[in-house]
Amino acid sequence: MEFYQYRIISLNMPQAQEGPPSSCDLTPCDFFLWPYIKNSIFNTPVVDMNDLRQRITNKFEEINDLPWMLENVINSIKRRVRLCMHEGGGHISHLL
């Protein structure tokens, strides 16, 4: 058991206040953005850190210029939330 700023971190104690689950199935950056960026950037070998920085910058600028992409992310979030509610908050990765 560890103490951290008035909080107890332990697997053996009941939670005083339950928080929302942290599921990557419901987090847009985890289920969409990071994989999309990673797959786009590393489709060819990276030369050096400057090349990597430039690729990341370019990819984010590209995403900012594609409003349909944000709409797709929002629709996907809605779908995932509906599935999660249907499953009573349980796992939904097998349904995706």
PDB file of N, CA and C in Angstrom:
ATOM      1  N   MET A   1       0.849  -1.164   0.000  1.00  0.00           N
ATOM      2  CA  MET A   1       0.000   0.000   0.000  1.00  0.00           C
ATOM      3  C   MET A   1       0.903   1.237   0.000  1.00  0.00           C
ATOM      4  N   GLU A   2       0.524   2.254  -0.817  1.00  0.00           N
ATOM      5  CA  GLU A   2       1.282   3.492  -0.888  1.00  0.00           C
ATOM      6  C   GLU A   2       0.366   4.673  -0.626  1.00  0.00           C
ATOM      7  N   PHE A   3       0.921   5.697  -0.028  1.00  0.00           N
ATOM      8  CA  PHE A   3       0.183   6.934   0.191  1.00  0.00           C
ATOM      9  C   PHE A   3       0.670   7.961  -0.813  1.00  0.00           C
ATOM     10  N   TYR A   4      -0.254   8.666  -1.417  1.00  0.00           N
ATOM     11  CA  TYR A   4       0.091   9.676  -2.405  1.00  0.00           C
ATOM     12  C   TYR A   4      -0.842  10.854  -2.233  1.00  0.00           C
ATOM     13  N   GLN A   5      -0.338  11.917  -1.677  1.00  0.00           N
ATOM     14  CA  GLN A   5      -1.110  13.146  -1.455  1.00  0.00           C
ATOM     15  C   GLN A   5      -2.517  12.863  -0.927  1.00  0.00           C
ATOM     16  N   TYR A   6      -2.620  12.329   0.245  1.00  0.00           N
ATOM     17  CA  TYR A   6      -3.889  12.055   0.918  1.00  0.00           C
ATOM     18  C   TYR A   6      -4.684  10.924   0.274  1.00  0.00           C
ATOM     19  N   ARG A   7      -4.113  10.211  -0.649  1.00  0.00           N
ATOM     20  CA  ARG A   7      -4.807   9.092  -1.281  1.00  0.00           C
ATOM     21  C   ARG A   7      -4.051   7.810  -0.987  1.00  0.00           C
ATOM     22  N   ILE A   8      -4.802   6.745  -0.875  1.00  0.00           N
ATOM     23  CA  ILE A   8      -4.197   5.434  -0.668  1.00  0.00           C
ATOM     24  C   ILE A   8      -4.306   4.670  -1.978  1.00  0.00           C
ATOM     25  N   ILE A   9      -3.184   4.142  -2.425  1.00  0.00           N
ATOM     26  CA  ILE A   9      -3.176   3.347  -3.644  1.00  0.00           C
ATOM     27  C   ILE A   9      -2.937   1.899  -3.224  1.00  0.00           C
ATOM     28  N   SER A  10      -3.970   1.076  -3.377  1.00  0.00           N
ATOM     29  CA  SER A  10      -3.877  -0.309  -2.953  1.00  0.00           C
ATOM     30  C   SER A  10      -4.920  -1.139  -3.676  1.00  0.00           C
ATOM     31  N   LEU A  11      -4.560  -2.355  -4.020  1.00  0.00           N
ATOM     32  CA  LEU A  11      -5.522  -3.270  -4.632  1.00  0.00           C
ATOM     33  C   LEU A  11      -6.384  -3.956  -3.586  1.00  0.00           C
ATOM     34  N   ASN A  12      -6.008  -3.831  -2.315  1.00  0.00           N
ATOM     35  CA  ASN A  12      -6.694  -4.557  -1.251  1.00  0.00           C
ATOM     36  C   ASN A  12      -7.693  -3.714  -0.480  1.00  0.00           C
ATOM     37  N   MET A  13      -7.949  -2.500  -0.936  1.00  0.00           N
ATOM     38  CA  MET A  13      -8.877  -1.637  -0.220  1.00  0.00           C
ATOM     39  C   MET A  13     -10.018  -1.238  -1.148  1.00  0.00           C
ATOM     40  N   PRO A  14     -11.231  -1.118  -0.616  1.00  0.00           N
ATOM     41  CA  PRO A  14     -12.342  -0.674  -1.455  1.00  0.00           C
ATOM     42  C   PRO A  14     -12.145   0.774  -1.882  1.00  0.00           C
ATOM     43  N   GLN A  15     -12.636   1.096  -3.055  1.00  0.00           N
ATOM     44  CA  GLN A  15     -12.558   2.463  -3.549  1.00  0.00           C
ATOM     45  C   GLN A  15     -13.519   3.339  -2.749  1.00  0.00           C
ATOM     46  N   ALA A  16     -13.060   4.498  -2.329  1.00  0.00           N
ATOM     47  CA  ALA A  16     -13.935   5.421  -1.625  1.00  0.00           C
ATOM     48  C   ALA A  16     -14.931   6.039  -2.597  1.00  0.00           C
ATOM     49  N   GLN A  17     -14.458   6.290  -3.794  1.00  0.00           N
ATOM     50  CA  GLN A  17     -15.327   6.869  -4.806  1.00  0.00           C
ATOM     51  C   GLN A  17     -14.934   6.258  -6.143  1.00  0.00           C
ATOM     52  N   GLU A  18     -15.875   5.615  -6.765  1.00  0.00           N
ATOM     53  CA  GLU A  18     -15.569   4.967  -8.029  1.00  0.00           C
ATOM     54  C   GLU A  18     -15.556   5.989  -9.146  1.00  0.00           C
ATOM     55  N   GLY A  19     -14.561   5.908  -9.975  1.00  0.00           N
ATOM     56  CA  GLY A  19     -14.452   6.798 -11.124  1.00  0.00           C
ATOM     57  C   GLY A  19     -14.819   6.042 -12.389  1.00  0.00           C
ATOM     58  N   PRO A  20     -14.882   6.739 -13.498  1.00  0.00           N
ATOM     59  CA  PRO A  20     -15.217   6.074 -14.753  1.00  0.00           C
ATOM     60  C   PRO A  20     -14.076   5.154 -15.190  1.00  0.00           C
ATOM     61  N   PRO A  21     -14.390   4.090 -15.885  1.00  0.00           N
ATOM     62  CA  PRO A  21     -13.338   3.208 -16.363  1.00  0.00           C
ATOM     63  C   PRO A  21     -12.498   3.925 -17.406  1.00  0.00           C
ATOM     64  N   SER A  22     -11.245   3.575 -17.474  1.00  0.00           N
ATOM     65  CA  SER A  22     -10.383   4.153 -18.508  1.00  0.00           C
ATOM     66  C   SER A  22     -10.188   3.087 -19.575  1.00  0.00           C
ATOM     67  N   SER A  23     -11.009   3.155 -20.574  1.00  0.00           N
ATOM     68  CA  SER A  23     -10.994   2.150 -21.624  1.00  0.00           C
ATOM     69  C   SER A  23     -10.493   2.748 -22.919  1.00  0.00           C
ATOM     70  N   CYS A  24      -9.484   2.129 -23.517  1.00  0.00           N
ATOM     71  CA  CYS A  24      -8.994   2.629 -24.796  1.00  0.00           C
ATOM     72  C   CYS A  24     -10.030   2.403 -25.896  1.00  0.00           C
ATOM     73  N   ASP A  25     -11.045   1.578 -25.635  1.00  0.00           N
ATOM     74  CA  ASP A  25     -12.123   1.397 -26.607  1.00  0.00           C
ATOM     75  C   ASP A  25     -12.961   2.657 -26.743  1.00  0.00           C
ATOM     76  N   LEU A  26     -12.910   3.541 -25.751  1.00  0.00           N
ATOM     77  CA  LEU A  26     -13.728   4.753 -25.762  1.00  0.00           C
ATOM     78  C   LEU A  26     -12.901   6.028 -25.871  1.00  0.00           C
ATOM     79  N   THR A  27     -11.600   5.931 -25.972  1.00  0.00           N
ATOM     80  CA  THR A  27     -10.731   7.092 -26.017  1.00  0.00           C
ATOM     81  C   THR A  27     -10.252   7.329 -27.439  1.00  0.00           C
ATOM     82  N   PRO A  28     -10.720   8.392 -28.106  1.00  0.00           N
ATOM     83  CA  PRO A  28     -10.403   8.603 -29.517  1.00  0.00           C
ATOM     84  C   PRO A  28      -8.912   8.616 -29.841  1.00  0.00           C
ATOM     85  N   CYS A  29      -8.104   9.210 -28.960  1.00  0.00           N
ATOM     86  CA  CYS A  29      -6.671   9.243 -29.256  1.00  0.00           C
ATOM     87  C   CYS A  29      -6.073   7.840 -29.246  1.00  0.00           C
ATOM     88  N   ASP A  30      -6.589   6.962 -28.388  1.00  0.00           N
ATOM     89  CA  ASP A  30      -6.058   5.600 -28.312  1.00  0.00           C
ATOM     90  C   ASP A  30      -6.562   4.711 -29.440  1.00  0.00           C
ATOM     91  N   PHE A  31      -7.846   4.803 -29.783  1.00  0.00           N
ATOM     92  CA  PHE A  31      -8.359   3.886 -30.788  1.00  0.00           C
ATOM     93  C   PHE A  31      -8.225   4.414 -32.197  1.00  0.00           C
ATOM     94  N   PHE A  32      -7.939   5.716 -32.359  1.00  0.00           N
ATOM     95  CA  PHE A  32      -7.845   6.244 -33.711  1.00  0.00           C
ATOM     96  C   PHE A  32      -6.579   7.045 -33.966  1.00  0.00           C
ATOM     97  N   LEU A  33      -6.382   8.137 -33.227  1.00  0.00           N
ATOM     98  CA  LEU A  33      -5.351   9.104 -33.582  1.00  0.00           C
ATOM     99  C   LEU A  33      -3.940   8.527 -33.556  1.00  0.00           C
ATOM    100  N   TRP A  34      -3.523   7.937 -32.432  1.00  0.00           N
ATOM    101  CA  TRP A  34      -2.141   7.456 -32.338  1.00  0.00           C
ATOM    102  C   TRP A  34      -1.858   6.359 -33.367  1.00  0.00           C
ATOM    103  N   PRO A  35      -2.728   5.368 -33.524  1.00  0.00           N
ATOM    104  CA  PRO A  35      -2.442   4.367 -34.570  1.00  0.00           C
ATOM    105  C   PRO A  35      -2.394   4.980 -35.973  1.00  0.00           C
ATOM    106  N   TYR A  36      -3.289   5.923 -36.259  1.00  0.00           N
ATOM    107  CA  TYR A  36      -3.308   6.567 -37.571  1.00  0.00           C
ATOM    108  C   TYR A  36      -1.999   7.326 -37.816  1.00  0.00           C
ATOM    109  N   ILE A  37      -1.587   8.120 -36.826  1.00  0.00           N
ATOM    110  CA  ILE A  37      -0.344   8.890 -36.954  1.00  0.00           C
ATOM    111  C   ILE A  37       0.845   7.944 -37.105  1.00  0.00           C
ATOM    112  N   LYS A  38       0.918   6.953 -36.246  1.00  0.00           N
ATOM    113  CA  LYS A  38       2.048   6.023 -36.268  1.00  0.00           C
ATOM    114  C   LYS A  38       2.141   5.299 -37.610  1.00  0.00           C
ATOM    115  N   ASN A  39       1.022   4.776 -38.084  1.00  0.00           N
ATOM    116  CA  ASN A  39       1.042   4.045 -39.351  1.00  0.00           C
ATOM    117  C   ASN A  39       1.394   4.949 -40.523  1.00  0.00           C
ATOM    118  N   SER A  40       0.960   6.198 -40.468  1.00  0.00           N
ATOM    119  CA  SER A  40       1.255   7.133 -41.546  1.00  0.00           C
ATOM    120  C   SER A  40       2.718   7.564 -41.543  1.00  0.00           C
ATOM    121  N   ILE A  41       3.261   7.776 -40.371  1.00  0.00           N
ATOM    122  CA  ILE A  41       4.624   8.290 -40.250  1.00  0.00           C
ATOM    123  C   ILE A  41       5.665   7.213 -40.530  1.00  0.00           C
ATOM    124  N   PHE A  42       5.418   6.024 -40.064  1.00  0.00           N
ATOM    125  CA  PHE A  42       6.424   4.971 -40.180  1.00  0.00           C
ATOM    126  C   PHE A  42       6.214   4.054 -41.383  1.00  0.00           C
ATOM    127  N   ASN A  43       5.470   4.523 -42.393  1.00  0.00           N
ATOM    128  CA  ASN A  43       5.296   3.686 -43.586  1.00  0.00           C
ATOM    129  C   ASN A  43       6.580   3.604 -44.405  1.00  0.00           C
ATOM    130  N   THR A  44       7.497   4.540 -44.180  1.00  0.00           N
ATOM    131  CA  THR A  44       8.855   4.472 -44.737  1.00  0.00           C
ATOM    132  C   THR A  44       9.829   4.757 -43.601  1.00  0.00           C
ATOM    133  N   PRO A  45      11.052   4.290 -43.704  1.00  0.00           N
ATOM    134  CA  PRO A  45      12.019   4.501 -42.614  1.00  0.00           C
ATOM    135  C   PRO A  45      12.259   5.983 -42.327  1.00  0.00           C
ATOM    136  N   VAL A  46      12.362   6.306 -41.054  1.00  0.00           N
ATOM    137  CA  VAL A  46      12.641   7.671 -40.608  1.00  0.00           C
ATOM    138  C   VAL A  46      14.153   7.873 -40.645  1.00  0.00           C
ATOM    139  N   VAL A  47      14.578   8.996 -41.233  1.00  0.00           N
ATOM    140  CA  VAL A  47      16.006   9.269 -41.403  1.00  0.00           C
ATOM    141  C   VAL A  47      16.651   9.716 -40.099  1.00  0.00           C
ATOM    142  N   ASP A  48      16.035  10.701 -39.422  1.00  0.00           N
ATOM    143  CA  ASP A  48      16.585  11.233 -38.179  1.00  0.00           C
ATOM    144  C   ASP A  48      15.456  11.924 -37.397  1.00  0.00           C
ATOM    145  N   MET A  49      15.815  12.528 -36.262  1.00  0.00           N
ATOM    146  CA  MET A  49      14.804  13.170 -35.414  1.00  0.00           C
ATOM    147  C   MET A  49      14.127  14.345 -36.122  1.00  0.00           C
ATOM    148  N   ASN A  50      14.870  15.092 -36.907  1.00  0.00           N
ATOM    149  CA  ASN A  50      14.262  16.214 -37.632  1.00  0.00           C
ATOM    150  C   ASN A  50      13.234  15.714 -38.641  1.00  0.00           C
ATOM    151  N   ASP A  51      13.563  14.626 -39.304  1.00  0.00           N
ATOM    152  CA  ASP A  51      12.622  14.015 -40.247  1.00  0.00           C
ATOM    153  C   ASP A  51      11.362  13.561 -39.514  1.00  0.00           C
ATOM    154  N   LEU A  52      11.538  12.937 -38.356  1.00  0.00           N
ATOM    155  CA  LEU A  52      10.394  12.473 -37.563  1.00  0.00           C
ATOM    156  C   LEU A  52       9.524  13.646 -37.121  1.00  0.00           C
ATOM    157  N   ARG A  53      10.152  14.697 -36.607  1.00  0.00           N
ATOM    158  CA  ARG A  53       9.395  15.891 -36.183  1.00  0.00           C
ATOM    159  C   ARG A  53       8.600  16.484 -37.352  1.00  0.00           C
ATOM    160  N   GLN A  54       9.241  16.567 -38.495  1.00  0.00           N
ATOM    161  CA  GLN A  54       8.575  17.149 -39.650  1.00  0.00           C
ATOM    162  C   GLN A  54       7.401  16.285 -40.104  1.00  0.00           C
ATOM    163  N   ARG A  55       7.576  14.984 -40.086  1.00  0.00           N
ATOM    164  CA  ARG A  55       6.480  14.081 -40.464  1.00  0.00           C
ATOM    165  C   ARG A  55       5.292  14.215 -39.518  1.00  0.00           C
ATOM    166  N   ILE A  56       5.581  14.288 -38.223  1.00  0.00           N
ATOM    167  CA  ILE A  56       4.508  14.436 -37.231  1.00  0.00           C
ATOM    168  C   ILE A  56       3.781  15.761 -37.450  1.00  0.00           C
ATOM    169  N   THR A  57       4.532  16.831 -37.610  1.00  0.00           N
ATOM    170  CA  THR A  57       3.936  18.152 -37.848  1.00  0.00           C
ATOM    171  C   THR A  57       3.077  18.138 -39.101  1.00  0.00           C
ATOM    172  N   ASN A  58       3.605  17.582 -40.175  1.00  0.00           N
ATOM    173  CA  ASN A  58       2.856  17.522 -41.438  1.00  0.00           C
ATOM    174  C   ASN A  58       1.567  16.724 -41.299  1.00  0.00           C
ATOM    175  N   LYS A  59       1.635  15.619 -40.574  1.00  0.00           N
ATOM    176  CA  LYS A  59       0.456  14.765 -40.427  1.00  0.00           C
ATOM    177  C   LYS A  59      -0.629  15.476 -39.627  1.00  0.00           C
ATOM    178  N   PHE A  60      -0.253  16.182 -38.563  1.00  0.00           N
ATOM    179  CA  PHE A  60      -1.252  16.916 -37.787  1.00  0.00           C
ATOM    180  C   PHE A  60      -1.842  18.065 -38.597  1.00  0.00           C
ATOM    181  N   GLU A  61      -1.037  18.738 -39.391  1.00  0.00           N
ATOM    182  CA  GLU A  61      -1.562  19.794 -40.264  1.00  0.00           C
ATOM    183  C   GLU A  61      -2.528  19.203 -41.282  1.00  0.00           C
ATOM    184  N   GLU A  62      -2.201  18.037 -41.795  1.00  0.00           N
ATOM    185  CA  GLU A  62      -3.079  17.355 -42.748  1.00  0.00           C
ATOM    186  C   GLU A  62      -4.422  17.007 -42.098  1.00  0.00           C
ATOM    187  N   ILE A  63      -4.379  16.498 -40.884  1.00  0.00           N
ATOM    188  CA  ILE A  63      -5.610  16.141 -40.170  1.00  0.00           C
ATOM    189  C   ILE A  63      -6.463  17.379 -39.930  1.00  0.00           C
ATOM    190  N   ASN A  64      -5.830  18.491 -39.577  1.00  0.00           N
ATOM    191  CA  ASN A  64      -6.567  19.736 -39.339  1.00  0.00           C
ATOM    192  C   ASN A  64      -7.291  20.225 -40.584  1.00  0.00           C
ATOM    193  N   ASP A  65      -6.799  19.848 -41.752  1.00  0.00           N
ATOM    194  CA  ASP A  65      -7.414  20.277 -43.009  1.00  0.00           C
ATOM    195  C   ASP A  65      -8.445  19.280 -43.535  1.00  0.00           C
ATOM    196  N   LEU A  66      -8.778  18.261 -42.738  1.00  0.00           N
ATOM    197  CA  LEU A  66      -9.728  17.231 -43.173  1.00  0.00           C
ATOM    198  C   LEU A  66     -10.911  17.156 -42.205  1.00  0.00           C
ATOM    199  N   PRO A  67     -11.900  18.023 -42.369  1.00  0.00           N
ATOM    200  CA  PRO A  67     -13.028  18.027 -41.420  1.00  0.00           C
ATOM    201  C   PRO A  67     -13.808  16.718 -41.411  1.00  0.00           C
ATOM    202  N   TRP A  68     -13.835  15.993 -42.502  1.00  0.00           N
ATOM    203  CA  TRP A  68     -14.557  14.719 -42.536  1.00  0.00           C
ATOM    204  C   TRP A  68     -13.943  13.708 -41.582  1.00  0.00           C
ATOM    205  N   MET A  69     -12.622  13.840 -41.325  1.00  0.00           N
ATOM    206  CA  MET A  69     -11.963  12.897 -40.430  1.00  0.00           C
ATOM    207  C   MET A  69     -12.483  13.069 -39.006  1.00  0.00           C
ATOM    208  N   LEU A  70     -12.646  14.314 -38.568  1.00  0.00           N
ATOM    209  CA  LEU A  70     -13.197  14.565 -37.236  1.00  0.00           C
ATOM    210  C   LEU A  70     -14.622  14.036 -37.145  1.00  0.00           C
ATOM    211  N   GLU A  71     -15.405  14.217 -38.189  1.00  0.00           N
ATOM    212  CA  GLU A  71     -16.770  13.695 -38.198  1.00  0.00           C
ATOM    213  C   GLU A  71     -16.774  12.170 -38.062  1.00  0.00           C
ATOM    214  N   ASN A  72     -15.845  11.496 -38.739  1.00  0.00           N
ATOM    215  CA  ASN A  72     -15.746  10.035 -38.625  1.00  0.00           C
ATOM    216  C   ASN A  72     -15.387   9.616 -37.203  1.00  0.00           C
ATOM    217  N   VAL A  73     -14.481  10.360 -36.571  1.00  0.00           N
ATOM    218  CA  VAL A  73     -14.099  10.050 -35.189  1.00  0.00           C
ATOM    219  C   VAL A  73     -15.304  10.206 -34.264  1.00  0.00           C
ATOM    220  N   ILE A  74     -16.058  11.292 -34.426  1.00  0.00           N
ATOM    221  CA  ILE A  74     -17.233  11.528 -33.586  1.00  0.00           C
ATOM    222  C   ILE A  74     -18.262  10.419 -33.771  1.00  0.00           C
ATOM    223  N   ASN A  75     -18.511  10.024 -35.005  1.00  0.00           N
ATOM    224  CA  ASN A  75     -19.458   8.934 -35.261  1.00  0.00           C
ATOM    225  C   ASN A  75     -18.976   7.622 -34.654  1.00  0.00           C
ATOM    226  N   SER A  76     -17.677   7.392 -34.709  1.00  0.00           N
ATOM    227  CA  SER A  76     -17.121   6.171 -34.122  1.00  0.00           C
ATOM    228  C   SER A  76     -17.264   6.185 -32.600  1.00  0.00           C
ATOM    229  N   ILE A  77     -17.052   7.342 -31.978  1.00  0.00           N
ATOM    230  CA  ILE A  77     -17.214   7.447 -30.524  1.00  0.00           C
ATOM    231  C   ILE A  77     -18.657   7.127 -30.145  1.00  0.00           C
ATOM    232  N   LYS A  78     -19.607   7.700 -30.877  1.00  0.00           N
ATOM    233  CA  LYS A  78     -21.020   7.444 -30.590  1.00  0.00           C
ATOM    234  C   LYS A  78     -21.322   5.951 -30.689  1.00  0.00           C
ATOM    235  N   ARG A  79     -20.809   5.319 -31.728  1.00  0.00           N
ATOM    236  CA  ARG A  79     -21.038   3.875 -31.914  1.00  0.00           C
ATOM    237  C   ARG A  79     -20.444   3.076 -30.750  1.00  0.00           C
ATOM    238  N   ARG A  80     -19.234   3.425 -30.347  1.00  0.00           N
ATOM    239  CA  ARG A  80     -18.568   2.709 -29.256  1.00  0.00           C
ATOM    240  C   ARG A  80     -19.302   2.913 -27.935  1.00  0.00           C
ATOM    241  N   VAL A  81     -19.790   4.124 -27.683  1.00  0.00           N
ATOM    242  CA  VAL A  81     -20.529   4.386 -26.446  1.00  0.00           C
ATOM    243  C   VAL A  81     -21.827   3.587 -26.422  1.00  0.00           C
ATOM    244  N   ARG A  82     -22.531   3.542 -27.569  1.00  0.00           N
ATOM    245  CA  ARG A  82     -23.767   2.742 -27.634  1.00  0.00           C
ATOM    246  C   ARG A  82     -23.475   1.269 -27.356  1.00  0.00           C
ATOM    247  N   LEU A  83     -22.393   0.747 -27.939  1.00  0.00           N
ATOM    248  CA  LEU A  83     -22.021  -0.650 -27.688  1.00  0.00           C
ATOM    249  C   LEU A  83     -21.692  -0.875 -26.213  1.00  0.00           C
ATOM    250  N   CYS A  84     -20.962   0.050 -25.631  1.00  0.00           N
ATOM    251  CA  CYS A  84     -20.585  -0.067 -24.225  1.00  0.00           C
ATOM    252  C   CYS A  84     -21.828  -0.066 -23.336  1.00  0.00           C
ATOM    253  N   MET A  85     -22.773   0.807 -23.643  1.00  0.00           N
ATOM    254  CA  MET A  85     -24.019   0.856 -22.869  1.00  0.00           C
ATOM    255  C   MET A  85     -24.805  -0.439 -23.049  1.00  0.00           C
ATOM    256  N   HIS A  86     -24.848  -0.939 -24.263  1.00  0.00           N
ATOM    257  CA  HIS A  86     -25.565  -2.184 -24.536  1.00  0.00           C
ATOM    258  C   HIS A  86     -24.959  -3.355 -23.769  1.00  0.00           C
ATOM    259  N   GLU A  87     -23.633  -3.324 -23.598  1.00  0.00           N
ATOM    260  CA  GLU A  87     -22.936  -4.393 -22.877  1.00  0.00           C
ATOM    261  C   GLU A  87     -22.864  -4.129 -21.376  1.00  0.00           C
ATOM    262  N   GLY A  88     -23.589  -3.124 -20.903  1.00  0.00           N
ATOM    263  CA  GLY A  88     -23.608  -2.818 -19.473  1.00  0.00           C
ATOM    264  C   GLY A  88     -22.259  -2.373 -18.942  1.00  0.00           C
ATOM    265  N   GLY A  89     -21.472  -1.716 -19.788  1.00  0.00           N
ATOM    266  CA  GLY A  89     -20.161  -1.242 -19.376  1.00  0.00           C
ATOM    267  C   GLY A  89     -19.066  -2.293 -19.521  1.00  0.00           C
ATOM    268  N   GLY A  90     -19.425  -3.447 -20.058  1.00  0.00           N
ATOM    269  CA  GLY A  90     -18.434  -4.520 -20.213  1.00  0.00           C
ATOM    270  C   GLY A  90     -17.554  -4.324 -21.426  1.00  0.00           C
ATOM    271  N   HIS A  91     -16.766  -5.340 -21.703  1.00  0.00           N
ATOM    272  CA  HIS A  91     -15.833  -5.295 -22.826  1.00  0.00           C
ATOM    273  C   HIS A  91     -16.585  -5.208 -24.151  1.00  0.00           C
ATOM    274  N   ILE A  92     -16.056  -4.394 -25.051  1.00  0.00           N
ATOM    275  CA  ILE A  92     -16.690  -4.261 -26.361  1.00  0.00           C
ATOM    276  C   ILE A  92     -15.724  -4.533 -27.514  1.00  0.00           C
ATOM    277  N   SER A  93     -14.456  -4.776 -27.201  1.00  0.00           N
ATOM    278  CA  SER A  93     -13.449  -4.942 -28.260  1.00  0.00           C
ATOM    279  C   SER A  93     -13.827  -6.084 -29.206  1.00  0.00           C
ATOM    280  N   HIS A  94     -14.494  -7.120 -28.701  1.00  0.00           N
ATOM    281  CA  HIS A  94     -14.888  -8.242 -29.554  1.00  0.00           C
ATOM    282  C   HIS A  94     -16.024  -7.860 -30.504  1.00  0.00           C
ATOM    283  N   LEU A  95     -16.673  -6.717 -30.252  1.00  0.00           N
ATOM    284  CA  LEU A  95     -17.787  -6.277 -31.107  1.00  0.00           C
ATOM    285  C   LEU A  95     -17.351  -5.272 -32.160  1.00  0.00           C
ATOM    286  N   LEU A  96     -16.118  -4.818 -32.079  1.00  0.00           N
ATOM    287  CA  LEU A  96     -15.658  -3.748 -32.984  1.00  0.00           C
ATOM    288  C   LEU A  96     -15.153  -4.306 -34.266  1.00  0.00           C
TER     289      LEU A  96
END
